Amino acid sequence: MSSLLLAELLVLIHFTFILFVVFGGFFILKWRWMVWVHLPAVIWGVVVEAMGWICPLTPLENRYRWQAGLEGYGGDFIAHYLLPIIYPADLNLDLRLVLAGFVVMINSLVYVFVFRKRGAT
């Protein structure tokens, strides 16, 4: 598998993980056991975002891009459309905290709904 393909696959996995962190709580509406998969993902996503840490996928993505002879994330569909969502240019501490709060809020609402519904049945 080429380095460029691996880099783009990692970006896609990264983006999918972010979507799972934000919206994965809805899976527990159908499959209660998903809480054991989703909750650790939410904790990881919130901590990484709030602390300003670099996700381990990011250096790996860059490594494969460099191996493919590229600098940065220019030129292809994934880099053009997905990376600005994952890595916004104006990502400062305030915005990171807002994003982390949004993740906690949306998932808290889903979890409260699910567990209240569970208690009512």
PDB file of N, CA and C in Angstrom:
ATOM      1  N   MET A   1       0.861  -1.174   0.000  1.00  0.00           N
ATOM      2  CA  MET A   1       0.000   0.000   0.000  1.00  0.00           C
ATOM      3  C   MET A   1       0.905   1.235   0.000  1.00  0.00           C
ATOM      4  N   SER A   2       0.582   2.202  -0.829  1.00  0.00           N
ATOM      5  CA  SER A   2       1.427   3.390  -0.927  1.00  0.00           C
ATOM      6  C   SER A   2       1.305   4.280   0.305  1.00  0.00           C
ATOM      7  N   SER A   3       2.344   5.041   0.550  1.00  0.00           N
ATOM      8  CA  SER A   3       2.354   5.949   1.705  1.00  0.00           C
ATOM      9  C   SER A   3       1.242   6.972   1.607  1.00  0.00           C
ATOM     10  N   LEU A   4       1.001   7.485   0.395  1.00  0.00           N
ATOM     11  CA  LEU A   4      -0.065   8.475   0.228  1.00  0.00           C
ATOM     12  C   LEU A   4      -1.428   7.873   0.543  1.00  0.00           C
ATOM     13  N   LEU A   5      -1.655   6.655   0.088  1.00  0.00           N
ATOM     14  CA  LEU A   5      -2.929   5.992   0.383  1.00  0.00           C
ATOM     15  C   LEU A   5      -3.079   5.747   1.884  1.00  0.00           C
ATOM     16  N   LEU A   6      -2.007   5.343   2.543  1.00  0.00           N
ATOM     17  CA  LEU A   6      -2.051   5.148   3.994  1.00  0.00           C
ATOM     18  C   LEU A   6      -2.347   6.457   4.713  1.00  0.00           C
ATOM     19  N   ALA A   7      -1.733   7.544   4.259  1.00  0.00           N
ATOM     20  CA  ALA A   7      -1.976   8.854   4.879  1.00  0.00           C
ATOM     21  C   ALA A   7      -3.437   9.253   4.733  1.00  0.00           C
ATOM     22  N   GLU A   8      -3.981   9.072   3.553  1.00  0.00           N
ATOM     23  CA  GLU A   8      -5.374   9.455   3.329  1.00  0.00           C
ATOM     24  C   GLU A   8      -6.335   8.531   4.079  1.00  0.00           C
ATOM     25  N   LEU A   9      -5.987   7.272   4.184  1.00  0.00           N
ATOM     26  CA  LEU A   9      -6.795   6.341   4.971  1.00  0.00           C
ATOM     27  C   LEU A   9      -6.803   6.758   6.441  1.00  0.00           C
ATOM     28  N   LEU A  10      -5.660   7.178   6.953  1.00  0.00           N
ATOM     29  CA  LEU A  10      -5.595   7.642   8.340  1.00  0.00           C
ATOM     30  C   LEU A  10      -6.427   8.900   8.562  1.00  0.00           C
ATOM     31  N   VAL A  11      -6.435   9.806   7.593  1.00  0.00           N
ATOM     32  CA  VAL A  11      -7.272  11.005   7.714  1.00  0.00           C
ATOM     33  C   VAL A  11      -8.737  10.601   7.766  1.00  0.00           C
ATOM     34  N   LEU A  12      -9.122   9.655   6.944  1.00  0.00           N
ATOM     35  CA  LEU A  12     -10.504   9.185   6.940  1.00  0.00           C
ATOM     36  C   LEU A  12     -10.862   8.510   8.265  1.00  0.00           C
ATOM     37  N   ILE A  13      -9.966   7.694   8.794  1.00  0.00           N
ATOM     38  CA  ILE A  13     -10.185   7.053  10.095  1.00  0.00           C
ATOM     39  C   ILE A  13     -10.288   8.114  11.191  1.00  0.00           C
ATOM     40  N   HIS A  14      -9.415   9.108  11.120  1.00  0.00           N
ATOM     41  CA  HIS A  14      -9.405  10.199  12.099  1.00  0.00           C
ATOM     42  C   HIS A  14     -10.740  10.944  12.073  1.00  0.00           C
ATOM     43  N   PHE A  15     -11.194  11.285  10.886  1.00  0.00           N
ATOM     44  CA  PHE A  15     -12.454  12.005  10.734  1.00  0.00           C
ATOM     45  C   PHE A  15     -13.630  11.161  11.228  1.00  0.00           C
ATOM     46  N   THR A  16     -13.618   9.867  10.914  1.00  0.00           N
ATOM     47  CA  THR A  16     -14.676   8.966  11.367  1.00  0.00           C
ATOM     48  C   THR A  16     -14.688   8.870  12.889  1.00  0.00           C
ATOM     49  N   PHE A  17     -13.507   8.817  13.503  1.00  0.00           N
ATOM     50  CA  PHE A  17     -13.424   8.772  14.958  1.00  0.00           C
ATOM     51  C   PHE A  17     -14.014  10.039  15.569  1.00  0.00           C
ATOM     52  N   ILE A  18     -13.699  11.194  14.976  1.00  0.00           N
ATOM     53  CA  ILE A  18     -14.246  12.457  15.477  1.00  0.00           C
ATOM     54  C   ILE A  18     -15.766  12.440  15.398  1.00  0.00           C
ATOM     55  N   LEU A  19     -16.316  11.969  14.292  1.00  0.00           N
ATOM     56  CA  LEU A  19     -17.774  11.868  14.168  1.00  0.00           C
ATOM     57  C   LEU A  19     -18.342  10.918  15.218  1.00  0.00           C
ATOM     58  N   PHE A  20     -17.641   9.816  15.473  1.00  0.00           N
ATOM     59  CA  PHE A  20     -18.088   8.864  16.489  1.00  0.00           C
ATOM     60  C   PHE A  20     -18.068   9.498  17.875  1.00  0.00           C
ATOM     61  N   VAL A  21     -17.032  10.266  18.174  1.00  0.00           N
ATOM     62  CA  VAL A  21     -16.950  10.929  19.479  1.00  0.00           C
ATOM     63  C   VAL A  21     -18.129  11.880  19.654  1.00  0.00           C
ATOM     64  N   VAL A  22     -18.417  12.657  18.632  1.00  0.00           N
ATOM     65  CA  VAL A  22     -19.462  13.674  18.743  1.00  0.00           C
ATOM     66  C   VAL A  22     -20.859  13.055  18.714  1.00  0.00           C
ATOM     67  N   PHE A  23     -21.094  12.139  17.810  1.00  0.00           N
ATOM     68  CA  PHE A  23     -22.455  11.640  17.591  1.00  0.00           C
ATOM     69  C   PHE A  23     -22.656  10.167  17.951  1.00  0.00           C
ATOM     70  N   GLY A  24     -21.616   9.489  18.400  1.00  0.00           N
ATOM     71  CA  GLY A  24     -21.708   8.063  18.687  1.00  0.00           C
ATOM     72  C   GLY A  24     -22.641   7.700  19.817  1.00  0.00           C
ATOM     73  N   GLY A  25     -22.974   8.664  20.657  1.00  0.00           N
ATOM     74  CA  GLY A  25     -23.918   8.392  21.730  1.00  0.00           C
ATOM     75  C   GLY A  25     -25.264   7.915  21.207  1.00  0.00           C
ATOM     76  N   PHE A  26     -25.584   8.305  19.991  1.00  0.00           N
ATOM     77  CA  PHE A  26     -26.856   7.874  19.416  1.00  0.00           C
ATOM     78  C   PHE A  26     -26.896   6.366  19.168  1.00  0.00           C
ATOM     79  N   PHE A  27     -25.712   5.737  19.041  1.00  0.00           N
ATOM     80  CA  PHE A  27     -25.677   4.282  18.877  1.00  0.00           C
ATOM     81  C   PHE A  27     -26.237   3.566  20.105  1.00  0.00           C
ATOM     82  N   ILE A  28     -26.074   4.181  21.263  1.00  0.00           N
ATOM     83  CA  ILE A  28     -26.570   3.503  22.468  1.00  0.00           C
ATOM     84  C   ILE A  28     -28.090   3.516  22.555  1.00  0.00           C
ATOM     85  N   LEU A  29     -28.736   4.307  21.721  1.00  0.00           N
ATOM     86  CA  LEU A  29     -30.195   4.247  21.658  1.00  0.00           C
ATOM     87  C   LEU A  29     -30.644   2.870  21.164  1.00  0.00           C
ATOM     88  N   LYS A  30     -29.866   2.269  20.301  1.00  0.00           N
ATOM     89  CA  LYS A  30     -30.202   0.950  19.757  1.00  0.00           C
ATOM     90  C   LYS A  30     -29.404  -0.159  20.430  1.00  0.00           C
ATOM     91  N   TRP A  31     -28.125   0.069  20.636  1.00  0.00           N
ATOM     92  CA  TRP A  31     -27.250  -0.956  21.211  1.00  0.00           C
ATOM     93  C   TRP A  31     -26.650  -0.423  22.504  1.00  0.00           C
ATOM     94  N   ARG A  32     -27.194  -0.827  23.621  1.00  0.00           N
ATOM     95  CA  ARG A  32     -26.747  -0.317  24.931  1.00  0.00           C
ATOM     96  C   ARG A  32     -25.275  -0.620  25.207  1.00  0.00           C
ATOM     97  N   TRP A  33     -24.786  -1.730  24.702  1.00  0.00           N
ATOM     98  CA  TRP A  33     -23.404  -2.125  24.953  1.00  0.00           C
ATOM     99  C   TRP A  33     -22.404  -1.149  24.338  1.00  0.00           C
ATOM    100  N   MET A  34     -22.849  -0.340  23.385  1.00  0.00           N
ATOM    101  CA  MET A  34     -21.956   0.634  22.738  1.00  0.00           C
ATOM    102  C   MET A  34     -21.445   1.684  23.720  1.00  0.00           C
ATOM    103  N   VAL A  35     -22.089   1.815  24.872  1.00  0.00           N
ATOM    104  CA  VAL A  35     -21.613   2.768  25.875  1.00  0.00           C
ATOM    105  C   VAL A  35     -20.172   2.444  26.259  1.00  0.00           C
ATOM    106  N   TRP A  36     -19.806   1.153  26.265  1.00  0.00           N
ATOM    107  CA  TRP A  36     -18.460   0.734  26.663  1.00  0.00           C
ATOM    108  C   TRP A  36     -17.425   1.033  25.591  1.00  0.00           C
ATOM    109  N   VAL A  37     -17.866   1.272  24.376  1.00  0.00           N
ATOM    110  CA  VAL A  37     -16.972   1.673  23.290  1.00  0.00           C
ATOM    111  C   VAL A  37     -16.961   3.198  23.174  1.00  0.00           C
ATOM    112  N   HIS A  38     -18.153   3.785  23.277  1.00  0.00           N
ATOM    113  CA  HIS A  38     -18.284   5.210  23.044  1.00  0.00           C
ATOM    114  C   HIS A  38     -17.733   6.070  24.178  1.00  0.00           C
ATOM    115  N   LEU A  39     -18.032   5.722  25.400  1.00  0.00           N
ATOM    116  CA  LEU A  39     -17.615   6.549  26.530  1.00  0.00           C
ATOM    117  C   LEU A  39     -16.095   6.747  26.591  1.00  0.00           C
ATOM    118  N   PRO A  40     -15.278   5.700  26.432  1.00  0.00           N
ATOM    119  CA  PRO A  40     -13.823   5.945  26.399  1.00  0.00           C
ATOM    120  C   PRO A  40     -13.403   6.831  25.231  1.00  0.00           C
ATOM    121  N   ALA A  41     -14.076   6.689  24.086  1.00  0.00           N
ATOM    122  CA  ALA A  41     -13.762   7.540  22.936  1.00  0.00           C
ATOM    123  C   ALA A  41     -14.081   8.998  23.246  1.00  0.00           C
ATOM    124  N   VAL A  42     -15.207   9.250  23.912  1.00  0.00           N
ATOM    125  CA  VAL A  42     -15.578  10.616  24.288  1.00  0.00           C
ATOM    126  C   VAL A  42     -14.557  11.191  25.266  1.00  0.00           C
ATOM    127  N   ILE A  43     -14.189  10.408  26.256  1.00  0.00           N
ATOM    128  CA  ILE A  43     -13.207  10.886  27.239  1.00  0.00           C
ATOM    129  C   ILE A  43     -11.906  11.243  26.542  1.00  0.00           C
ATOM    130  N   TRP A  44     -11.434  10.361  25.665  1.00  0.00           N
ATOM    131  CA  TRP A  44     -10.197  10.629  24.919  1.00  0.00           C
ATOM    132  C   TRP A  44     -10.342  11.896  24.082  1.00  0.00           C
ATOM    133  N   GLY A  45     -11.420  12.003  23.321  1.00  0.00           N
ATOM    134  CA  GLY A  45     -11.623  13.160  22.453  1.00  0.00           C
ATOM    135  C   GLY A  45     -11.694  14.467  23.220  1.00  0.00           C
ATOM    136  N   VAL A  46     -12.401  14.478  24.332  1.00  0.00           N
ATOM    137  CA  VAL A  46     -12.537  15.692  25.135  1.00  0.00           C
ATOM    138  C   VAL A  46     -11.197  16.079  25.762  1.00  0.00           C
ATOM    139  N   VAL A  47     -10.486  15.104  26.299  1.00  0.00           N
ATOM    140  CA  VAL A  47      -9.190  15.405  26.922  1.00  0.00           C
ATOM    141  C   VAL A  47      -8.199  15.917  25.886  1.00  0.00           C
ATOM    142  N   VAL A  48      -8.115  15.260  24.739  1.00  0.00           N
ATOM    143  CA  VAL A  48      -7.191  15.697  23.684  1.00  0.00           C
ATOM    144  C   VAL A  48      -7.537  17.111  23.238  1.00  0.00           C
ATOM    145  N   GLU A  49      -8.819  17.387  23.047  1.00  0.00           N
ATOM    146  CA  GLU A  49      -9.248  18.704  22.585  1.00  0.00           C
ATOM    147  C   GLU A  49      -9.003  19.766  23.651  1.00  0.00           C
ATOM    148  N   ALA A  50      -9.397  19.493  24.868  1.00  0.00           N
ATOM    149  CA  ALA A  50      -9.295  20.489  25.941  1.00  0.00           C
ATOM    150  C   ALA A  50      -7.841  20.766  26.325  1.00  0.00           C
ATOM    151  N   MET A  51      -7.005  19.754  26.270  1.00  0.00           N
ATOM    152  CA  MET A  51      -5.612  19.923  26.678  1.00  0.00           C
ATOM    153  C   MET A  51      -4.715  20.385  25.537  1.00  0.00           C
ATOM    154  N   GLY A  52      -5.243  20.382  24.319  1.00  0.00           N
ATOM    155  CA  GLY A  52      -4.438  20.791  23.179  1.00  0.00           C
ATOM    156  C   GLY A  52      -3.389  19.767  22.783  1.00  0.00           C
ATOM    157  N   TRP A  53      -3.620  18.507  23.158  1.00  0.00           N
ATOM    158  CA  TRP A  53      -2.687  17.448  22.806  1.00  0.00           C
ATOM    159  C   TRP A  53      -2.792  17.138  21.316  1.00  0.00           C
ATOM    160  N   ILE A  54      -1.786  16.499  20.805  1.00  0.00           N
ATOM    161  CA  ILE A  54      -1.794  16.039  19.418  1.00  0.00           C
ATOM    162  C   ILE A  54      -2.206  14.567  19.422  1.00  0.00           C
ATOM    163  N   CYS A  55      -3.217  14.253  18.666  1.00  0.00           N
ATOM    164  CA  CYS A  55      -3.654  12.867  18.534  1.00  0.00           C
ATOM    165  C   CYS A  55      -2.523  12.071  17.877  1.00  0.00           C
ATOM    166  N   PRO A  56      -2.273  10.857  18.327  1.00  0.00           N
ATOM    167  CA  PRO A  56      -1.203  10.049  17.728  1.00  0.00           C
ATOM    168  C   PRO A  56      -1.391   9.786  16.239  1.00  0.00           C
ATOM    169  N   LEU A  57      -2.604   9.899  15.742  1.00  0.00           N
ATOM    170  CA  LEU A  57      -2.811   9.706  14.309  1.00  0.00           C
ATOM    171  C   LEU A  57      -2.195  10.832  13.481  1.00  0.00           C
ATOM    172  N   THR A  58      -2.126  12.030  14.034  1.00  0.00           N
ATOM    173  CA  THR A  58      -1.631  13.180  13.280  1.00  0.00           C
ATOM    174  C   THR A  58      -0.174  13.014  12.847  1.00  0.00           C
ATOM    175  N   PRO A  59       0.755  12.719  13.754  1.00  0.00           N
ATOM    176  CA  PRO A  59       2.136  12.516  13.301  1.00  0.00           C
ATOM    177  C   PRO A  59       2.272  11.337  12.334  1.00  0.00           C
ATOM    178  N   LEU A  60       1.450  10.314  12.516  1.00  0.00           N
ATOM    179  CA  LEU A  60       1.493   9.176  11.608  1.00  0.00           C
ATOM    180  C   LEU A  60       1.018   9.577  10.211  1.00  0.00           C
ATOM    181  N   GLU A  61      -0.054  10.368  10.142  1.00  0.00           N
ATOM    182  CA  GLU A  61      -0.530  10.886   8.857  1.00  0.00           C
ATOM    183  C   GLU A  61       0.585  11.675   8.172  1.00  0.00           C
ATOM    184  N   ASN A  62       1.212  12.582   8.924  1.00  0.00           N
ATOM    185  CA  ASN A  62       2.280  13.408   8.350  1.00  0.00           C
ATOM    186  C   ASN A  62       3.464  12.560   7.896  1.00  0.00           C
ATOM    187  N   ARG A  63       3.792  11.562   8.678  1.00  0.00           N
ATOM    188  CA  ARG A  63       4.915  10.684   8.310  1.00  0.00           C
ATOM    189  C   ARG A  63       4.671  10.024   6.953  1.00  0.00           C
ATOM    190  N   TYR A  64       3.471   9.485   6.753  1.00  0.00           N
ATOM    191  CA  TYR A  64       3.157   8.853   5.473  1.00  0.00           C
ATOM    192  C   TYR A  64       3.138   9.873   4.336  1.00  0.00           C
ATOM    193  N   ARG A  65       2.699  11.077   4.606  1.00  0.00           N
ATOM    194  CA  ARG A  65       2.726  12.110   3.572  1.00  0.00           C
ATOM    195  C   ARG A  65       4.162  12.455   3.186  1.00  0.00           C
ATOM    196  N   TRP A  66       5.032  12.598   4.172  1.00  0.00           N
ATOM    197  CA  TRP A  66       6.441  12.886   3.880  1.00  0.00           C
ATOM    198  C   TRP A  66       7.075  11.739   3.095  1.00  0.00           C
ATOM    199  N   GLN A  67       6.731  10.493   3.474  1.00  0.00           N
ATOM    200  CA  GLN A  67       7.255   9.334   2.747  1.00  0.00           C
ATOM    201  C   GLN A  67       6.784   9.321   1.298  1.00  0.00           C
ATOM    202  N   ALA A  68       5.614   9.883   1.070  1.00  0.00           N
ATOM    203  CA  ALA A  68       5.085   9.958  -0.292  1.00  0.00           C
ATOM    204  C   ALA A  68       5.658  11.153  -1.050  1.00  0.00           C
ATOM    205  N   GLY A  69       6.527  11.929  -0.386  1.00  0.00           N
ATOM    206  CA  GLY A  69       7.155  13.071  -1.042  1.00  0.00           C
ATOM    207  C   GLY A  69       6.324  14.339  -1.010  1.00  0.00           C
ATOM    208  N   LEU A  70       5.340  14.402  -0.143  1.00  0.00           N
ATOM    209  CA  LEU A  70       4.470  15.576  -0.046  1.00  0.00           C
ATOM    210  C   LEU A  70       4.842  16.410   1.170  1.00  0.00           C
ATOM    211  N   GLU A  71       4.534  17.680   1.078  1.00  0.00           N
ATOM    212  CA  GLU A  71       4.660  18.572   2.228  1.00  0.00           C
ATOM    213  C   GLU A  71       3.260  18.977   2.643  1.00  0.00           C
ATOM    214  N   GLY A  72       2.911  18.684   3.839  1.00  0.00           N
ATOM    215  CA  GLY A  72       1.600  19.101   4.345  1.00  0.00           C
ATOM    216  C   GLY A  72       0.466  18.321   3.736  1.00  0.00           C
ATOM    217  N   TYR A  73      -0.691  18.995   3.650  1.00  0.00           N
ATOM    218  CA  TYR A  73      -1.918  18.335   3.243  1.00  0.00           C
ATOM    219  C   TYR A  73      -2.541  18.953   2.002  1.00  0.00           C
ATOM    220  N   GLY A  74      -1.780  19.255   1.006  1.00  0.00           N
ATOM    221  CA  GLY A  74      -2.356  19.924  -0.157  1.00  0.00           C
ATOM    222  C   GLY A  74      -2.635  18.988  -1.313  1.00  0.00           C
ATOM    223  N   GLY A  75      -3.614  19.376  -2.120  1.00  0.00           N
ATOM    224  CA  GLY A  75      -3.773  18.765  -3.418  1.00  0.00           C
ATOM    225  C   GLY A  75      -4.828  17.707  -3.620  1.00  0.00           C
ATOM    226  N   ASP A  76      -5.304  17.056  -2.591  1.00  0.00           N
ATOM    227  CA  ASP A  76      -6.278  16.007  -2.840  1.00  0.00           C
ATOM    228  C   ASP A  76      -7.598  16.294  -2.134  1.00  0.00           C
ATOM    229  N   PHE A  77      -8.597  15.514  -2.428  1.00  0.00           N
ATOM    230  CA  PHE A  77      -9.944  15.723  -1.892  1.00  0.00           C
ATOM    231  C   PHE A  77      -9.963  15.684  -0.369  1.00  0.00           C
ATOM    232  N   ILE A  78      -9.383  14.660   0.193  1.00  0.00           N
ATOM    233  CA  ILE A  78      -9.422  14.512   1.645  1.00  0.00           C
ATOM    234  C   ILE A  78      -8.736  15.697   2.310  1.00  0.00           C
ATOM    235  N   ALA A  79      -7.574  16.060   1.809  1.00  0.00           N
ATOM    236  CA  ALA A  79      -6.850  17.180   2.408  1.00  0.00           C
ATOM    237  C   ALA A  79      -7.625  18.487   2.258  1.00  0.00           C
ATOM    238  N   HIS A  80      -8.251  18.657   1.138  1.00  0.00           N
ATOM    239  CA  HIS A  80      -8.952  19.921   0.885  1.00  0.00           C
ATOM    240  C   HIS A  80     -10.236  20.054   1.694  1.00  0.00           C
ATOM    241  N   TYR A  81     -10.990  18.972   1.847  1.00  0.00           N
ATOM    242  CA  TYR A  81     -12.303  19.058   2.486  1.00  0.00           C
ATOM    243  C   TYR A  81     -12.341  18.616   3.942  1.00  0.00           C
ATOM    244  N   LEU A  82     -11.575  17.608   4.306  1.00  0.00           N
ATOM    245  CA  LEU A  82     -11.677  17.082   5.666  1.00  0.00           C
ATOM    246  C   LEU A  82     -10.700  17.711   6.644  1.00  0.00           C
ATOM    247  N   LEU A  83      -9.491  17.966   6.200  1.00  0.00           N
ATOM    248  CA  LEU A  83      -8.501  18.495   7.131  1.00  0.00           C
ATOM    249  C   LEU A  83      -8.867  19.852   7.728  1.00  0.00           C
ATOM    250  N   PRO A  84      -9.474  20.778   6.996  1.00  0.00           N
ATOM    251  CA  PRO A  84      -9.889  22.029   7.650  1.00  0.00           C
ATOM    252  C   PRO A  84     -10.905  21.811   8.763  1.00  0.00           C
ATOM    253  N   ILE A  85     -11.672  20.731   8.696  1.00  0.00           N
ATOM    254  CA  ILE A  85     -12.621  20.416   9.764  1.00  0.00           C
ATOM    255  C   ILE A  85     -11.867  19.862  10.975  1.00  0.00           C
ATOM    256  N   ILE A  86     -10.911  18.964  10.697  1.00  0.00           N
ATOM    257  CA  ILE A  86     -10.151  18.345  11.787  1.00  0.00           C
ATOM    258  C   ILE A  86      -9.154  19.330  12.391  1.00  0.00           C
ATOM    259  N   TYR A  87      -8.523  20.153  11.550  1.00  0.00           N
ATOM    260  CA  TYR A  87      -7.487  21.079  11.998  1.00  0.00           C
ATOM    261  C   TYR A  87      -7.811  22.507  11.550  1.00  0.00           C
ATOM    262  N   PRO A  88      -8.823  23.166  12.139  1.00  0.00           N
ATOM    263  CA  PRO A  88      -9.145  24.538  11.727  1.00  0.00           C
ATOM    264  C   PRO A  88      -7.970  25.485  11.962  1.00  0.00           C
ATOM    265  N   ALA A  89      -7.822  26.469  11.093  1.00  0.00           N
ATOM    266  CA  ALA A  89      -6.703  27.403  11.178  1.00  0.00           C
ATOM    267  C   ALA A  89      -6.747  28.243  12.455  1.00  0.00           C
ATOM    268  N   ASP A  90      -7.928  28.582  12.929  1.00  0.00           N
ATOM    269  CA  ASP A  90      -8.059  29.452  14.103  1.00  0.00           C
ATOM    270  C   ASP A  90      -8.329  28.665  15.386  1.00  0.00           C
ATOM    271  N   LEU A  91      -7.777  27.474  15.482  1.00  0.00           N
ATOM    272  CA  LEU A  91      -8.008  26.617  16.638  1.00  0.00           C
ATOM    273  C   LEU A  91      -7.163  27.085  17.822  1.00  0.00           C
ATOM    274  N   ASN A  92      -7.783  27.897  18.682  1.00  0.00           N
ATOM    275  CA  ASN A  92      -7.099  28.391  19.879  1.00  0.00           C
ATOM    276  C   ASN A  92      -7.712  27.729  21.109  1.00  0.00           C
ATOM    277  N   LEU A  93      -7.207  28.070  22.283  1.00  0.00           N
ATOM    278  CA  LEU A  93      -7.680  27.440  23.517  1.00  0.00           C
ATOM    279  C   LEU A  93      -9.178  27.640  23.722  1.00  0.00           C
ATOM    280  N   ASP A  94      -9.679  28.840  23.495  1.00  0.00           N
ATOM    281  CA  ASP A  94     -11.117  29.096  23.690  1.00  0.00           C
ATOM    282  C   ASP A  94     -11.969  28.208  22.787  1.00  0.00           C
ATOM    283  N   LEU A  95     -11.587  28.103  21.511  1.00  0.00           N
ATOM    284  CA  LEU A  95     -12.351  27.278  20.578  1.00  0.00           C
ATOM    285  C   LEU A  95     -12.248  25.799  20.943  1.00  0.00           C
ATOM    286  N   ARG A  96     -11.077  25.354  21.372  1.00  0.00           N
ATOM    287  CA  ARG A  96     -10.916  23.960  21.792  1.00  0.00           C
ATOM    288  C   ARG A  96     -11.831  23.647  22.976  1.00  0.00           C
ATOM    289  N   LEU A  97     -11.928  24.571  23.934  1.00  0.00           N
ATOM    290  CA  LEU A  97     -12.792  24.358  25.095  1.00  0.00           C
ATOM    291  C   LEU A  97     -14.264  24.355  24.698  1.00  0.00           C
ATOM    292  N   VAL A  98     -14.643  25.212  23.754  1.00  0.00           N
ATOM    293  CA  VAL A  98     -16.022  25.226  23.256  1.00  0.00           C
ATOM    294  C   VAL A  98     -16.337  23.897  22.577  1.00  0.00           C
ATOM    295  N   LEU A  99     -15.417  23.413  21.741  1.00  0.00           N
ATOM    296  CA  LEU A  99     -15.629  22.138  21.059  1.00  0.00           C
ATOM    297  C   LEU A  99     -15.719  20.990  22.057  1.00  0.00           C
ATOM    298  N   ALA A 100     -14.845  20.984  23.046  1.00  0.00           N
ATOM    299  CA  ALA A 100     -14.887  19.944  24.075  1.00  0.00           C
ATOM    300  C   ALA A 100     -16.209  20.014  24.836  1.00  0.00           C
ATOM    301  N   GLY A 101     -16.659  21.215  25.166  1.00  0.00           N
ATOM    302  CA  GLY A 101     -17.936  21.385  25.852  1.00  0.00           C
ATOM    303  C   GLY A 101     -19.106  20.911  25.016  1.00  0.00           C
ATOM    304  N   PHE A 102     -19.052  21.173  23.705  1.00  0.00           N
ATOM    305  CA  PHE A 102     -20.101  20.715  22.799  1.00  0.00           C
ATOM    306  C   PHE A 102     -20.178  19.191  22.804  1.00  0.00           C
ATOM    307  N   VAL A 103     -19.035  18.536  22.751  1.00  0.00           N
ATOM    308  CA  VAL A 103     -19.001  17.071  22.764  1.00  0.00           C
ATOM    309  C   VAL A 103     -19.595  16.536  24.066  1.00  0.00           C
ATOM    310  N   VAL A 104     -19.215  17.123  25.178  1.00  0.00           N
ATOM    311  CA  VAL A 104     -19.745  16.687  26.473  1.00  0.00           C
ATOM    312  C   VAL A 104     -21.256  16.936  26.532  1.00  0.00           C
ATOM    313  N   MET A 105     -21.707  18.098  26.072  1.00  0.00           N
ATOM    314  CA  MET A 105     -23.123  18.443  26.137  1.00  0.00           C
ATOM    315  C   MET A 105     -23.984  17.498  25.296  1.00  0.00           C
ATOM    316  N   ILE A 106     -23.632  17.322  24.040  1.00  0.00           N
ATOM    317  CA  ILE A 106     -24.479  16.499  23.164  1.00  0.00           C
ATOM    318  C   ILE A 106     -24.525  15.060  23.657  1.00  0.00           C
ATOM    319  N   ASN A 107     -23.394  14.541  24.101  1.00  0.00           N
ATOM    320  CA  ASN A 107     -23.381  13.161  24.569  1.00  0.00           C
ATOM    321  C   ASN A 107     -24.047  13.017  25.930  1.00  0.00           C
ATOM    322  N   SER A 108     -23.934  13.999  26.782  1.00  0.00           N
ATOM    323  CA  SER A 108     -24.626  13.963  28.071  1.00  0.00           C
ATOM    324  C   SER A 108     -26.129  13.912  27.867  1.00  0.00           C
ATOM    325  N   LEU A 109     -26.631  14.699  26.934  1.00  0.00           N
ATOM    326  CA  LEU A 109     -28.064  14.692  26.648  1.00  0.00           C
ATOM    327  C   LEU A 109     -28.529  13.322  26.169  1.00  0.00           C
ATOM    328  N   VAL A 110     -27.768  12.720  25.276  1.00  0.00           N
ATOM    329  CA  VAL A 110     -28.132  11.392  24.767  1.00  0.00           C
ATOM    330  C   VAL A 110     -28.090  10.371  25.894  1.00  0.00           C
ATOM    331  N   TYR A 111     -27.029  10.398  26.688  1.00  0.00           N
ATOM    332  CA  TYR A 111     -26.898   9.426  27.774  1.00  0.00           C
ATOM    333  C   TYR A 111     -28.005   9.599  28.814  1.00  0.00           C
ATOM    334  N   VAL A 112     -28.343  10.825  29.163  1.00  0.00           N
ATOM    335  CA  VAL A 112     -29.430  11.058  30.120  1.00  0.00           C
ATOM    336  C   VAL A 112     -30.734  10.503  29.552  1.00  0.00           C
ATOM    337  N   PHE A 113     -31.003  10.772  28.298  1.00  0.00           N
ATOM    338  CA  PHE A 113     -32.216  10.266  27.655  1.00  0.00           C
ATOM    339  C   PHE A 113     -32.259   8.746  27.691  1.00  0.00           C
ATOM    340  N   VAL A 114     -31.158   8.104  27.324  1.00  0.00           N
ATOM    341  CA  VAL A 114     -31.118   6.645  27.273  1.00  0.00           C
ATOM    342  C   VAL A 114     -31.304   6.046  28.653  1.00  0.00           C
ATOM    343  N   PHE A 115     -30.618   6.578  29.653  1.00  0.00           N
ATOM    344  CA  PHE A 115     -30.691   5.970  30.969  1.00  0.00           C
ATOM    345  C   PHE A 115     -32.007   6.297  31.682  1.00  0.00           C
ATOM    346  N   ARG A 116     -32.609   7.426  31.363  1.00  0.00           N
ATOM    347  CA  ARG A 116     -33.942   7.690  31.921  1.00  0.00           C
ATOM    348  C   ARG A 116     -34.969   6.763  31.295  1.00  0.00           C
ATOM    349  N   LYS A 117     -34.844   6.563  29.983  1.00  0.00           N
ATOM    350  CA  LYS A 117     -35.741   5.655  29.269  1.00  0.00           C
ATOM    351  C   LYS A 117     -35.569   4.235  29.787  1.00  0.00           C
ATOM    352  N   ARG A 118     -34.335   3.863  30.038  1.00  0.00           N
ATOM    353  CA  ARG A 118     -34.037   2.525  30.563  1.00  0.00           C
ATOM    354  C   ARG A 118     -34.664   2.320  31.946  1.00  0.00           C
ATOM    355  N   GLY A 119     -34.593   3.366  32.781  1.00  0.00           N
ATOM    356  CA  GLY A 119     -35.169   3.288  34.115  1.00  0.00           C
ATOM    357  C   GLY A 119     -36.685   3.236  34.084  1.00  0.00           C
ATOM    358  N   ALA A 120     -37.296   3.795  33.050  1.00  0.00           N
ATOM    359  CA  ALA A 120     -38.755   3.835  32.947  1.00  0.00           C
ATOM    360  C   ALA A 120     -39.324   2.508  32.450  1.00  0.00           C
ATOM    361  N   THR A 121     -38.477   1.676  31.840  1.00  0.00           N
ATOM    362  CA  THR A 121     -38.996   0.412  31.300  1.00  0.00           C
ATOM    363  C   THR A 121     -38.799  -0.730  32.253  1.00  0.00           C
TER     364      THR A 121
END
